[in-house]
Amino acid sequence: MTYNNNKKYDLFDDLQRNLSNVVDTIINHPYIHALEKKQIRKDKLEIFVCEQFHIIANDKRNFAFMISKTSNDAASKLFID
């Protein structure tokens, strides 16, 4: 990330730019293209879906843990949202 001293630094512009790069990477990922072309076998897709289910369940459990450890409402709201 580079900063231009002549312009006001805008954190939100950088965040938006970085997030748009992430979105572009996801949208243009070969796996997504293979899904669109129906080149992923059903059994492989089922594995992916099950893995995502467990990841999300663990994330929810970890967020609940983090909420219980936060010292203020702003921090807990971050994990709740």
PDB file of N, CA and C in Angstrom:
ATOM      1  N   MET A   1       0.840  -1.154   0.000  1.00  0.00           N
ATOM      2  CA  MET A   1       0.000   0.000   0.000  1.00  0.00           C
ATOM      3  C   MET A   1       0.900   1.236   0.000  1.00  0.00           C
ATOM      4  N   THR A   2       0.733   2.109  -0.966  1.00  0.00           N
ATOM      5  CA  THR A   2       1.541   3.317  -1.019  1.00  0.00           C
ATOM      6  C   THR A   2       0.694   4.513  -0.626  1.00  0.00           C
ATOM      7  N   TYR A   3       1.346   5.499  -0.063  1.00  0.00           N
ATOM      8  CA  TYR A   3       0.669   6.695   0.405  1.00  0.00           C
ATOM      9  C   TYR A   3       1.180   7.887  -0.392  1.00  0.00           C
ATOM     10  N   ASN A   4       0.289   8.722  -0.817  1.00  0.00           N
ATOM     11  CA  ASN A   4       0.639   9.929  -1.539  1.00  0.00           C
ATOM     12  C   ASN A   4       0.510  11.089  -0.560  1.00  0.00           C
ATOM     13  N   ASN A   5       1.630  11.757  -0.268  1.00  0.00           N
ATOM     14  CA  ASN A   5       1.614  12.849   0.708  1.00  0.00           C
ATOM     15  C   ASN A   5       0.837  14.060   0.207  1.00  0.00           C
ATOM     16  N   ASN A   6       0.626  14.178  -1.094  1.00  0.00           N
ATOM     17  CA  ASN A   6      -0.075  15.332  -1.652  1.00  0.00           C
ATOM     18  C   ASN A   6      -1.590  15.189  -1.573  1.00  0.00           C
ATOM     19  N   LYS A   7      -2.073  14.008  -1.322  1.00  0.00           N
ATOM     20  CA  LYS A   7      -3.508  13.767  -1.265  1.00  0.00           C
ATOM     21  C   LYS A   7      -3.887  13.253   0.112  1.00  0.00           C
ATOM     22  N   LYS A   8      -5.102  13.548   0.473  1.00  0.00           N
ATOM     23  CA  LYS A   8      -5.602  13.027   1.744  1.00  0.00           C
ATOM     24  C   LYS A   8      -5.727  11.507   1.625  1.00  0.00           C
ATOM     25  N   TYR A   9      -5.109  10.799   2.561  1.00  0.00           N
ATOM     26  CA  TYR A   9      -5.180   9.345   2.578  1.00  0.00           C
ATOM     27  C   TYR A   9      -6.575   8.917   2.992  1.00  0.00           C
ATOM     28  N   ASP A  10      -7.185   8.046   2.217  1.00  0.00           N
ATOM     29  CA  ASP A  10      -8.539   7.602   2.516  1.00  0.00           C
ATOM     30  C   ASP A  10      -8.542   6.094   2.718  1.00  0.00           C
ATOM     31  N   LEU A  11      -8.682   5.703   3.947  1.00  0.00           N
ATOM     32  CA  LEU A  11      -8.685   4.292   4.311  1.00  0.00           C
ATOM     33  C   LEU A  11      -9.765   3.525   3.564  1.00  0.00           C
ATOM     34  N   PHE A  12     -10.923   4.132   3.409  1.00  0.00           N
ATOM     35  CA  PHE A  12     -12.033   3.435   2.768  1.00  0.00           C
ATOM     36  C   PHE A  12     -11.767   3.169   1.295  1.00  0.00           C
ATOM     37  N   ASP A  13     -11.079   4.075   0.629  1.00  0.00           N
ATOM     38  CA  ASP A  13     -10.708   3.828  -0.770  1.00  0.00           C
ATOM     39  C   ASP A  13      -9.780   2.627  -0.879  1.00  0.00           C
ATOM     40  N   ASP A  14      -8.811   2.550   0.019  1.00  0.00           N
ATOM     41  CA  ASP A  14      -7.894   1.406   0.018  1.00  0.00           C
ATOM     42  C   ASP A  14      -8.623   0.105   0.327  1.00  0.00           C
ATOM     43  N   LEU A  15      -9.521   0.149   1.301  1.00  0.00           N
ATOM     44  CA  LEU A  15     -10.283  -1.054   1.642  1.00  0.00           C
ATOM     45  C   LEU A  15     -11.138  -1.509   0.465  1.00  0.00           C
ATOM     46  N   GLN A  16     -11.803  -0.565  -0.166  1.00  0.00           N
ATOM     47  CA  GLN A  16     -12.652  -0.907  -1.309  1.00  0.00           C
ATOM     48  C   GLN A  16     -11.819  -1.490  -2.445  1.00  0.00           C
ATOM     49  N   ARG A  17     -10.674  -0.895  -2.706  1.00  0.00           N
ATOM     50  CA  ARG A  17      -9.799  -1.384  -3.768  1.00  0.00           C
ATOM     51  C   ARG A  17      -9.315  -2.798  -3.448  1.00  0.00           C
ATOM     52  N   ASN A  18      -8.891  -3.015  -2.204  1.00  0.00           N
ATOM     53  CA  ASN A  18      -8.409  -4.338  -1.808  1.00  0.00           C
ATOM     54  C   ASN A  18      -9.519  -5.378  -1.855  1.00  0.00           C
ATOM     55  N   LEU A  19     -10.707  -4.997  -1.390  1.00  0.00           N
ATOM     56  CA  LEU A  19     -11.821  -5.941  -1.424  1.00  0.00           C
ATOM     57  C   LEU A  19     -12.252  -6.243  -2.851  1.00  0.00           C
ATOM     58  N   SER A  20     -12.206  -5.248  -3.716  1.00  0.00           N
ATOM     59  CA  SER A  20     -12.587  -5.517  -5.103  1.00  0.00           C
ATOM     60  C   SER A  20     -11.586  -6.467  -5.752  1.00  0.00           C
ATOM     61  N   ASN A  21     -10.312  -6.390  -5.346  1.00  0.00           N
ATOM     62  CA  ASN A  21      -9.319  -7.351  -5.843  1.00  0.00           C
ATOM     63  C   ASN A  21      -9.642  -8.762  -5.369  1.00  0.00           C
ATOM     64  N   VAL A  22     -10.082  -8.884  -4.125  1.00  0.00           N
ATOM     65  CA  VAL A  22     -10.447 -10.197  -3.584  1.00  0.00           C
ATOM     66  C   VAL A  22     -11.657 -10.745  -4.332  1.00  0.00           C
ATOM     67  N   VAL A  23     -12.659  -9.896  -4.542  1.00  0.00           N
ATOM     68  CA  VAL A  23     -13.862 -10.318  -5.258  1.00  0.00           C
ATOM     69  C   VAL A  23     -13.497 -10.760  -6.679  1.00  0.00           C
ATOM     70  N   ASP A  24     -12.658  -9.992  -7.359  1.00  0.00           N
ATOM     71  CA  ASP A  24     -12.228 -10.364  -8.708  1.00  0.00           C
ATOM     72  C   ASP A  24     -11.504 -11.709  -8.715  1.00  0.00           C
ATOM     73  N   THR A  25     -10.659 -11.932  -7.712  1.00  0.00           N
ATOM     74  CA  THR A  25      -9.932 -13.199  -7.613  1.00  0.00           C
ATOM     75  C   THR A  25     -10.891 -14.364  -7.439  1.00  0.00           C
ATOM     76  N   ILE A  26     -11.905 -14.184  -6.607  1.00  0.00           N
ATOM     77  CA  ILE A  26     -12.892 -15.246  -6.382  1.00  0.00           C
ATOM     78  C   ILE A  26     -13.700 -15.502  -7.644  1.00  0.00           C
ATOM     79  N   ILE A  27     -14.206 -14.440  -8.253  1.00  0.00           N
ATOM     80  CA  ILE A  27     -15.043 -14.584  -9.440  1.00  0.00           C
ATOM     81  C   ILE A  27     -14.276 -15.236 -10.592  1.00  0.00           C
ATOM     82  N   ASN A  28     -13.004 -14.946 -10.701  1.00  0.00           N
ATOM     83  CA  ASN A  28     -12.203 -15.473 -11.808  1.00  0.00           C
ATOM     84  C   ASN A  28     -11.424 -16.729 -11.452  1.00  0.00           C
ATOM     85  N   HIS A  29     -11.751 -17.334 -10.319  1.00  0.00           N
ATOM     86  CA  HIS A  29     -11.048 -18.545  -9.895  1.00  0.00           C
ATOM     87  C   HIS A  29     -11.418 -19.711 -10.820  1.00  0.00           C
ATOM     88  N   PRO A  30     -10.439 -20.543 -11.170  1.00  0.00           N
ATOM     89  CA  PRO A  30     -10.717 -21.682 -12.059  1.00  0.00           C
ATOM     90  C   PRO A  30     -11.810 -22.616 -11.540  1.00  0.00           C
ATOM     91  N   TYR A  31     -11.935 -22.772 -10.228  1.00  0.00           N
ATOM     92  CA  TYR A  31     -12.970 -23.642  -9.673  1.00  0.00           C
ATOM     93  C   TYR A  31     -14.358 -23.111 -10.024  1.00  0.00           C
ATOM     94  N   ILE A  32     -14.536 -21.802  -9.937  1.00  0.00           N
ATOM     95  CA  ILE A  32     -15.826 -21.191 -10.275  1.00  0.00           C
ATOM     96  C   ILE A  32     -16.148 -21.411 -11.746  1.00  0.00           C
ATOM     97  N   HIS A  33     -15.148 -21.235 -12.598  1.00  0.00           N
ATOM     98  CA  HIS A  33     -15.364 -21.460 -14.035  1.00  0.00           C
ATOM     99  C   HIS A  33     -15.705 -22.924 -14.312  1.00  0.00           C
ATOM    100  N   ALA A  34     -15.037 -23.831 -13.612  1.00  0.00           N
ATOM    101  CA  ALA A  34     -15.328 -25.256 -13.780  1.00  0.00           C
ATOM    102  C   ALA A  34     -16.750 -25.581 -13.315  1.00  0.00           C
ATOM    103  N   LEU A  35     -17.193 -24.949 -12.232  1.00  0.00           N
ATOM    104  CA  LEU A  35     -18.572 -25.150 -11.770  1.00  0.00           C
ATOM    105  C   LEU A  35     -19.569 -24.680 -12.821  1.00  0.00           C
ATOM    106  N   GLU A  36     -19.306 -23.508 -13.383  1.00  0.00           N
ATOM    107  CA  GLU A  36     -20.212 -22.965 -14.401  1.00  0.00           C
ATOM    108  C   GLU A  36     -20.303 -23.879 -15.624  1.00  0.00           C
ATOM    109  N   LYS A  37     -19.208 -24.549 -15.932  1.00  0.00           N
ATOM    110  CA  LYS A  37     -19.176 -25.445 -17.092  1.00  0.00           C
ATOM    111  C   LYS A  37     -19.577 -26.869 -16.723  1.00  0.00           C
ATOM    112  N   LYS A  38     -20.012 -27.045 -15.470  1.00  0.00           N
ATOM    113  CA  LYS A  38     -20.427 -28.355 -14.946  1.00  0.00           C
ATOM    114  C   LYS A  38     -19.310 -29.404 -15.091  1.00  0.00           C
ATOM    115  N   GLN A  39     -18.079 -28.960 -14.811  1.00  0.00           N
ATOM    116  CA  GLN A  39     -16.917 -29.845 -14.896  1.00  0.00           C
ATOM    117  C   GLN A  39     -16.503 -30.414 -13.529  1.00  0.00           C
ATOM    118  N   ILE A  40     -17.226 -30.047 -12.484  1.00  0.00           N
ATOM    119  CA  ILE A  40     -16.936 -30.569 -11.150  1.00  0.00           C
ATOM    120  C   ILE A  40     -17.927 -31.693 -10.870  1.00  0.00           C
ATOM    121  N   ARG A  41     -17.385 -32.860 -10.559  1.00  0.00           N
ATOM    122  CA  ARG A  41     -18.260 -33.992 -10.262  1.00  0.00           C
ATOM    123  C   ARG A  41     -19.047 -33.732  -8.982  1.00  0.00           C
ATOM    124  N   LYS A  42     -20.237 -34.330  -8.904  1.00  0.00           N
ATOM    125  CA  LYS A  42     -21.127 -34.128  -7.763  1.00  0.00           C
ATOM    126  C   LYS A  42     -20.459 -34.545  -6.458  1.00  0.00           C
ATOM    127  N   ASP A  43     -19.726 -35.650  -6.454  1.00  0.00           N
ATOM    128  CA  ASP A  43     -19.088 -36.100  -5.210  1.00  0.00           C
ATOM    129  C   ASP A  43     -18.028 -35.104  -4.743  1.00  0.00           C
ATOM    130  N   LYS A  44     -17.324 -34.474  -5.672  1.00  0.00           N
ATOM    131  CA  LYS A  44     -16.322 -33.468  -5.302  1.00  0.00           C
ATOM    132  C   LYS A  44     -17.001 -32.201  -4.779  1.00  0.00           C
ATOM    133  N   LEU A  45     -18.125 -31.845  -5.361  1.00  0.00           N
ATOM    134  CA  LEU A  45     -18.871 -30.688  -4.892  1.00  0.00           C
ATOM    135  C   LEU A  45     -19.438 -30.937  -3.492  1.00  0.00           C
ATOM    136  N   GLU A  46     -19.899 -32.152  -3.240  1.00  0.00           N
ATOM    137  CA  GLU A  46     -20.416 -32.496  -1.912  1.00  0.00           C
ATOM    138  C   GLU A  46     -19.321 -32.383  -0.852  1.00  0.00           C
ATOM    139  N   ILE A  47     -18.111 -32.793  -1.187  1.00  0.00           N
ATOM    140  CA  ILE A  47     -16.984 -32.664  -0.251  1.00  0.00           C
ATOM    141  C   ILE A  47     -16.748 -31.199   0.075  1.00  0.00           C
ATOM    142  N   PHE A  48     -16.731 -30.368  -0.955  1.00  0.00           N
ATOM    143  CA  PHE A  48     -16.515 -28.932  -0.763  1.00  0.00           C
ATOM    144  C   PHE A  48     -17.602 -28.333   0.129  1.00  0.00           C
ATOM    145  N   VAL A  49     -18.856 -28.671  -0.129  1.00  0.00           N
ATOM    146  CA  VAL A  49     -19.972 -28.136   0.653  1.00  0.00           C
ATOM    147  C   VAL A  49     -19.857 -28.572   2.114  1.00  0.00           C
ATOM    148  N   CYS A  50     -19.512 -29.819   2.355  1.00  0.00           N
ATOM    149  CA  CYS A  50     -19.362 -30.314   3.733  1.00  0.00           C
ATOM    150  C   CYS A  50     -18.216 -29.601   4.448  1.00  0.00           C
ATOM    151  N   GLU A  51     -17.108 -29.398   3.738  1.00  0.00           N
ATOM    152  CA  GLU A  51     -15.984 -28.673   4.337  1.00  0.00           C
ATOM    153  C   GLU A  51     -16.403 -27.255   4.720  1.00  0.00           C
ATOM    154  N   GLN A  52     -17.113 -26.589   3.830  1.00  0.00           N
ATOM    155  CA  GLN A  52     -17.568 -25.225   4.115  1.00  0.00           C
ATOM    156  C   GLN A  52     -18.526 -25.202   5.300  1.00  0.00           C
ATOM    157  N   PHE A  53     -19.402 -26.176   5.395  1.00  0.00           N
ATOM    158  CA  PHE A  53     -20.328 -26.264   6.519  1.00  0.00           C
ATOM    159  C   PHE A  53     -19.562 -26.314   7.839  1.00  0.00           C
ATOM    160  N   HIS A  54     -18.522 -27.155   7.893  1.00  0.00           N
ATOM    161  CA  HIS A  54     -17.748 -27.296   9.127  1.00  0.00           C
ATOM    162  C   HIS A  54     -16.928 -26.048   9.419  1.00  0.00           C
ATOM    163  N   ILE A  55     -16.394 -25.422   8.392  1.00  0.00           N
ATOM    164  CA  ILE A  55     -15.638 -24.178   8.586  1.00  0.00           C
ATOM    165  C   ILE A  55     -16.543 -23.099   9.163  1.00  0.00           C
ATOM    166  N   ILE A  56     -17.725 -22.946   8.589  1.00  0.00           N
ATOM    167  CA  ILE A  56     -18.657 -21.911   9.058  1.00  0.00           C
ATOM    168  C   ILE A  56     -19.118 -22.209  10.482  1.00  0.00           C
ATOM    169  N   ALA A  57     -19.401 -23.471  10.782  1.00  0.00           N
ATOM    170  CA  ALA A  57     -19.809 -23.840  12.143  1.00  0.00           C
ATOM    171  C   ALA A  57     -18.697 -23.510  13.139  1.00  0.00           C
ATOM    172  N   ASN A  58     -17.453 -23.795  12.779  1.00  0.00           N
ATOM    173  CA  ASN A  58     -16.332 -23.477  13.664  1.00  0.00           C
ATOM    174  C   ASN A  58     -16.158 -21.969  13.805  1.00  0.00           C
ATOM    175  N   ASP A  59     -16.345 -21.234  12.709  1.00  0.00           N
ATOM    176  CA  ASP A  59     -16.251 -19.772  12.782  1.00  0.00           C
ATOM    177  C   ASP A  59     -17.296 -19.223  13.743  1.00  0.00           C
ATOM    178  N   LYS A  60     -18.517 -19.728  13.663  1.00  0.00           N
ATOM    179  CA  LYS A  60     -19.572 -19.254  14.557  1.00  0.00           C
ATOM    180  C   LYS A  60     -19.203 -19.536  16.019  1.00  0.00           C
ATOM    181  N   ARG A  61     -18.652 -20.705  16.269  1.00  0.00           N
ATOM    182  CA  ARG A  61     -18.243 -21.062  17.627  1.00  0.00           C
ATOM    183  C   ARG A  61     -17.099 -20.150  18.092  1.00  0.00           C
ATOM    184  N   ASN A  62     -16.144 -19.882  17.200  1.00  0.00           N
ATOM    185  CA  ASN A  62     -15.030 -19.004  17.544  1.00  0.00           C
ATOM    186  C   ASN A  62     -15.500 -17.575  17.786  1.00  0.00           C
ATOM    187  N   PHE A  63     -16.465 -17.095  16.979  1.00  0.00           N
ATOM    188  CA  PHE A  63     -17.003 -15.751  17.193  1.00  0.00           C
ATOM    189  C   PHE A  63     -17.703 -15.672  18.538  1.00  0.00           C
ATOM    190  N   ALA A  64     -18.454 -16.700  18.889  1.00  0.00           N
ATOM    191  CA  ALA A  64     -19.131 -16.718  20.190  1.00  0.00           C
ATOM    192  C   ALA A  64     -18.098 -16.653  21.319  1.00  0.00           C
ATOM    193  N   PHE A  65     -17.006 -17.374  21.161  1.00  0.00           N
ATOM    194  CA  PHE A  65     -15.937 -17.342  22.158  1.00  0.00           C
ATOM    195  C   PHE A  65     -15.339 -15.939  22.250  1.00  0.00           C
ATOM    196  N   MET A  66     -15.077 -15.319  21.093  1.00  0.00           N
ATOM    197  CA  MET A  66     -14.492 -13.978  21.080  1.00  0.00           C
ATOM    198  C   MET A  66     -15.444 -12.962  21.720  1.00  0.00           C
ATOM    199  N   ILE A  67     -16.741 -13.106  21.473  1.00  0.00           N
ATOM    200  CA  ILE A  67     -17.721 -12.206  22.090  1.00  0.00           C
ATOM    201  C   ILE A  67     -17.654 -12.326  23.606  1.00  0.00           C
ATOM    202  N   SER A  68     -17.502 -13.548  24.088  1.00  0.00           N
ATOM    203  CA  SER A  68     -17.450 -13.751  25.539  1.00  0.00           C
ATOM    204  C   SER A  68     -16.183 -13.161  26.161  1.00  0.00           C
ATOM    205  N   LYS A  69     -15.148 -12.939  25.355  1.00  0.00           N
ATOM    206  CA  LYS A  69     -13.865 -12.428  25.861  1.00  0.00           C
ATOM    207  C   LYS A  69     -13.680 -10.933  25.637  1.00  0.00           C
ATOM    208  N   THR A  70     -14.580 -10.284  24.889  1.00  0.00           N
ATOM    209  CA  THR A  70     -14.393  -8.864  24.599  1.00  0.00           C
ATOM    210  C   THR A  70     -14.594  -8.021  25.851  1.00  0.00           C
ATOM    211  N   SER A  71     -13.887  -6.897  25.868  1.00  0.00           N
ATOM    212  CA  SER A  71     -13.946  -6.026  27.038  1.00  0.00           C
ATOM    213  C   SER A  71     -14.903  -4.854  26.861  1.00  0.00           C
ATOM    214  N   ASN A  72     -15.452  -4.689  25.646  1.00  0.00           N
ATOM    215  CA  ASN A  72     -16.387  -3.572  25.465  1.00  0.00           C
ATOM    216  C   ASN A  72     -17.436  -3.920  24.416  1.00  0.00           C
ATOM    217  N   ASP A  73     -18.499  -3.116  24.396  1.00  0.00           N
ATOM    218  CA  ASP A  73     -19.616  -3.382  23.489  1.00  0.00           C
ATOM    219  C   ASP A  73     -19.246  -3.253  22.015  1.00  0.00           C
ATOM    220  N   ALA A  74     -18.350  -2.321  21.685  1.00  0.00           N
ATOM    221  CA  ALA A  74     -17.957  -2.122  20.284  1.00  0.00           C
ATOM    222  C   ALA A  74     -17.276  -3.377  19.741  1.00  0.00           C
ATOM    223  N   ALA A  75     -16.411  -3.970  20.547  1.00  0.00           N
ATOM    224  CA  ALA A  75     -15.713  -5.178  20.121  1.00  0.00           C
ATOM    225  C   ALA A  75     -16.687  -6.354  19.974  1.00  0.00           C
ATOM    226  N   SER A  76     -17.607  -6.498  20.920  1.00  0.00           N
ATOM    227  CA  SER A  76     -18.545  -7.604  20.819  1.00  0.00           C
ATOM    228  C   SER A  76     -19.492  -7.417  19.629  1.00  0.00           C
ATOM    229  N   LYS A  77     -19.868  -6.170  19.334  1.00  0.00           N
ATOM    230  CA  LYS A  77     -20.731  -5.893  18.193  1.00  0.00           C
ATOM    231  C   LYS A  77     -20.040  -6.308  16.884  1.00  0.00           C
ATOM    232  N   LEU A  78     -18.733  -6.100  16.821  1.00  0.00           N
ATOM    233  CA  LEU A  78     -17.972  -6.498  15.640  1.00  0.00           C
ATOM    234  C   LEU A  78     -18.163  -7.985  15.352  1.00  0.00           C
ATOM    235  N   PHE A  79     -18.062  -8.825  16.371  1.00  0.00           N
ATOM    236  CA  PHE A  79     -18.198 -10.263  16.165  1.00  0.00           C
ATOM    237  C   PHE A  79     -19.651 -10.686  15.985  1.00  0.00           C
ATOM    238  N   ILE A  80     -20.574  -9.970  16.591  1.00  0.00           N
ATOM    239  CA  ILE A  80     -21.991 -10.286  16.424  1.00  0.00           C
ATOM    240  C   ILE A  80     -22.420  -9.995  14.992  1.00  0.00           C
ATOM    241  N   ASP A  81     -21.978  -8.834  14.482  1.00  0.00           N
ATOM    242  CA  ASP A  81     -22.347  -8.456  13.105  1.00  0.00           C
ATOM    243  C   ASP A  81     -21.698  -9.377  12.102  1.00  0.00           C
TER     244      ASP A  81
END
